[in-house]
Amino acid sequence: MGARPDRAVIVYCNRIREAYGDVPIIIGGLEASLRRFAHYDYWEDRMRRSILIDSRADILTYGMGENILRRIAALLDKGVPVKKIRDVRGTVYLCKDGEKLHYDAIEVGDYDTLKTDKQAYARAFATQYKNNDSVRGKAIVERYGDKLLVQNPPMPPLEREELDYVYSLPYA
């Protein structure tokens, strides 16, 4: 208790950037997933930006990550720069305004509006929630000045054989 810093993902990612520069940083898990868009922070009693911006990570994964990470690892293994990985479902990334998106997208607004307008934030959250299935979900775009935060549609669930393989691994 007390050994983990507040907002650990942000702290650890920034320390990695300080030590290793441009090494690809991919974040995921509960803390990253829940804070992938503009969100209310109970500790500070205010709205905060996406954790992807504050952490300076390259890609955020959300949902069940087995196939997402395999796809990202395969692309990195082929020499694709992490900043060019834009088509993996179940990921969130930042790009410049005007960059062509891989999936049809719904824009939910800009951060400056979402942090001050409760109704705009509620509409954005409802849109995010409604697009959280792998069949009908669309990409979601949230603006941050001249940058776009893009959430690709969710990755489809694992097939039975894939799930059996995951559970056959020697976890300890």
Protein backbone atom coordinates (compact mmCIF):
# COMPACT_ATOMS: atom_id res chain seq x y z
CA MET A 1 0.00 0.00 0.00
CA GLY A 2 1.31 3.43 -0.89
CA ALA A 3 4.15 2.21 -3.14
CA ARG A 4 2.27 2.74 -6.40
CA PRO A 5 2.05 6.34 -7.65
CA ASP A 6 -1.29 7.97 -8.43
CA ARG A 7 -2.02 7.67 -12.17
CA ALA A 8 0.63 4.96 -12.48
CA VAL A 9 0.25 4.58 -16.25
CA ILE A 10 1.08 8.25 -16.79
CA VAL A 11 4.02 8.20 -14.38
CA TYR A 12 5.55 4.98 -15.72
CA CYS A 13 5.11 5.90 -19.39
CA ASN A 14 6.73 9.28 -18.89
CA ARG A 15 9.66 7.64 -17.08
CA ILE A 16 10.04 5.17 -19.98
CA ARG A 17 10.09 8.11 -22.45
CA GLU A 18 12.77 9.84 -20.36
CA ALA A 19 14.94 6.72 -20.26
CA TYR A 20 14.37 5.20 -23.71
CA GLY A 21 13.15 7.97 -26.01
CA ASP A 22 11.12 6.74 -28.96
CA VAL A 23 10.69 3.09 -27.97
CA PRO A 24 7.08 2.07 -28.80
CA ILE A 25 4.81 2.28 -25.76
CA ILE A 26 1.51 0.40 -25.88
CA ILE A 27 -0.79 0.79 -22.88
CA GLY A 28 -3.86 -1.16 -21.90
CA GLY A 29 -5.62 -2.71 -18.98
CA LEU A 30 -8.22 -1.27 -16.70
CA GLU A 31 -6.65 2.13 -15.96
CA ALA A 32 -5.96 2.92 -19.62
CA SER A 33 -9.26 1.54 -20.92
CA LEU A 34 -11.42 3.51 -18.51
CA ARG A 35 -9.56 6.73 -19.25
CA ARG A 36 -9.20 6.43 -23.01
CA PHE A 37 -11.47 9.43 -23.67
CA ALA A 38 -12.02 12.68 -21.79
CA HIS A 39 -13.13 11.59 -18.33
CA TYR A 40 -14.12 12.85 -14.92
CA ASP A 41 -11.33 12.49 -12.36
CA TYR A 42 -12.64 11.98 -8.82
CA TRP A 43 -9.25 12.71 -7.21
CA GLU A 44 -9.11 16.21 -8.72
CA ASP A 45 -12.87 16.76 -9.08
CA ARG A 46 -12.46 17.88 -12.69
CA MET A 47 -12.40 16.62 -16.26
CA ARG A 48 -9.12 15.24 -17.58
CA ARG A 49 -7.82 14.53 -21.06
CA SER A 50 -7.39 11.06 -22.48
CA ILE A 51 -4.69 9.09 -20.71
CA LEU A 52 -3.11 8.51 -24.12
CA ILE A 53 -2.19 12.21 -24.29
CA ASP A 54 -0.90 12.54 -20.73
CA SER A 55 1.07 9.27 -20.83
CA ARG A 56 2.66 10.05 -24.21
CA ALA A 57 2.14 6.39 -25.17
CA ASP A 58 1.82 5.50 -28.85
CA ILE A 59 -1.18 3.19 -28.78
CA LEU A 60 -3.85 2.37 -26.21
CA THR A 61 -5.57 -1.02 -26.30
CA TYR A 62 -8.99 -1.65 -24.81
CA GLY A 63 -11.09 -4.76 -24.38
CA MET A 64 -9.72 -8.28 -24.50
CA GLY A 65 -6.19 -7.74 -25.76
CA GLU A 66 -5.00 -11.16 -26.95
CA ASN A 67 -5.58 -10.63 -30.68
CA ILE A 68 -4.95 -6.89 -30.49
CA LEU A 69 -1.45 -7.41 -29.09
CA ARG A 70 -0.70 -10.25 -31.52
CA ARG A 71 -1.65 -7.98 -34.44
CA ILE A 72 0.42 -5.03 -33.14
CA ALA A 73 3.41 -7.30 -32.43
CA ALA A 74 3.23 -8.79 -35.93
CA LEU A 75 3.19 -5.32 -37.51
CA LEU A 76 6.10 -4.12 -35.38
CA ASP A 77 7.96 -7.34 -36.22
CA LYS A 78 7.51 -6.57 -39.94
CA GLY A 79 9.11 -3.16 -39.38
CA VAL A 80 5.96 -1.05 -39.48
CA PRO A 81 6.65 2.10 -37.41
CA VAL A 82 4.35 2.34 -34.38
CA LYS A 83 3.09 5.75 -35.60
CA LYS A 84 1.82 4.06 -38.80
CA ILE A 85 -0.27 1.41 -37.01
CA ARG A 86 -3.76 2.78 -37.55
CA ASP A 87 -5.97 -0.13 -38.61
CA VAL A 88 -5.96 -2.47 -35.58
CA ARG A 89 -9.38 -2.87 -34.04
CA GLY A 90 -9.50 -2.37 -30.27
CA THR A 91 -6.89 0.39 -30.33
CA VAL A 92 -6.82 4.13 -29.74
CA TYR A 93 -4.24 6.48 -31.26
CA LEU A 94 -3.55 10.16 -31.86
CA CYS A 95 -3.18 11.66 -35.31
CA LYS A 96 -3.18 15.06 -36.99
CA ASP A 97 -6.47 16.62 -38.00
CA GLY A 98 -7.10 15.77 -41.64
CA GLU A 99 -5.34 12.40 -41.58
CA LYS A 100 -7.37 9.75 -43.41
CA LEU A 101 -9.02 7.34 -40.98
CA HIS A 102 -9.20 3.61 -41.65
CA TYR A 103 -12.78 3.15 -40.37
CA ASP A 104 -16.01 5.14 -40.65
CA ALA A 105 -16.04 7.44 -37.64
CA ILE A 106 -18.39 9.42 -35.44
CA GLU A 107 -17.07 12.63 -33.92
CA VAL A 108 -18.10 13.24 -30.31
CA GLY A 109 -16.72 16.75 -29.90
CA ASP A 110 -13.63 18.53 -28.73
CA TYR A 111 -12.08 18.29 -25.29
CA ASP A 112 -12.55 21.99 -24.48
CA THR A 113 -16.31 21.62 -24.96
CA LEU A 114 -16.59 18.24 -23.25
CA LYS A 115 -14.82 19.45 -20.12
CA THR A 116 -17.23 22.38 -19.63
CA ASP A 117 -20.55 21.25 -21.12
CA LYS A 118 -22.14 18.41 -19.13
CA GLN A 119 -24.75 17.68 -21.79
CA ALA A 120 -22.11 17.46 -24.53
CA TYR A 121 -20.10 15.09 -22.31
CA ALA A 122 -23.20 12.94 -21.67
CA ARG A 123 -23.92 12.74 -25.42
CA ALA A 124 -20.29 11.81 -26.12
CA PHE A 125 -20.39 9.08 -23.47
CA ALA A 126 -23.65 7.70 -24.89
CA THR A 127 -22.10 7.57 -28.38
CA GLN A 128 -19.03 5.79 -27.02
CA TYR A 129 -21.23 3.29 -25.18
CA LYS A 130 -23.44 2.58 -28.23
CA ASN A 131 -20.38 1.88 -30.41
CA ASN A 132 -18.77 -0.62 -28.08
CA ASP A 133 -19.62 -3.81 -29.94
CA SER A 134 -17.52 -5.40 -32.66
CA VAL A 135 -20.37 -5.85 -35.15
CA ARG A 136 -22.00 -2.42 -35.34
CA GLY A 137 -19.45 -0.25 -33.57
CA LYS A 138 -17.88 2.62 -35.48
CA ALA A 139 -14.67 4.47 -34.82
CA ILE A 140 -14.99 7.37 -32.37
CA VAL A 141 -13.12 10.67 -32.77
CA GLU A 142 -12.49 13.21 -30.01
CA ARG A 143 -10.69 16.45 -30.87
CA TYR A 144 -7.76 17.94 -28.97
CA GLY A 145 -6.78 21.15 -30.73
CA ASP A 146 -5.14 20.15 -34.03
CA LYS A 147 -5.01 16.47 -33.04
CA LEU A 148 -7.61 13.73 -33.20
CA LEU A 149 -7.97 10.96 -30.67
CA VAL A 150 -9.25 8.00 -32.69
CA GLN A 151 -10.75 4.88 -31.15
CA ASN A 152 -11.03 2.12 -33.73
CA PRO A 153 -14.02 -0.24 -33.47
CA PRO A 154 -13.67 -3.06 -30.93
CA MET A 155 -11.84 -6.28 -31.78
CA PRO A 156 -14.23 -9.22 -32.30
CA PRO A 157 -14.37 -11.70 -29.42
CA LEU A 158 -12.09 -14.71 -29.49
CA GLU A 159 -13.28 -17.77 -31.38
CA ARG A 160 -13.70 -20.96 -29.32
CA GLU A 161 -10.36 -22.37 -30.47
CA GLU A 162 -8.55 -19.11 -29.67
CA LEU A 163 -10.08 -18.99 -26.21
CA ASP A 164 -9.17 -22.65 -25.57
CA TYR A 165 -5.58 -21.87 -26.58
CA VAL A 166 -5.38 -18.87 -24.25
CA TYR A 167 -6.64 -20.93 -21.31
CA SER A 168 -4.22 -23.78 -22.11
CA LEU A 169 -1.20 -21.52 -21.51
CA PRO A 170 0.84 -22.28 -18.37
CA TYR A 171 -0.27 -19.39 -16.15
CA ALA A 172 1.28 -19.19 -12.71
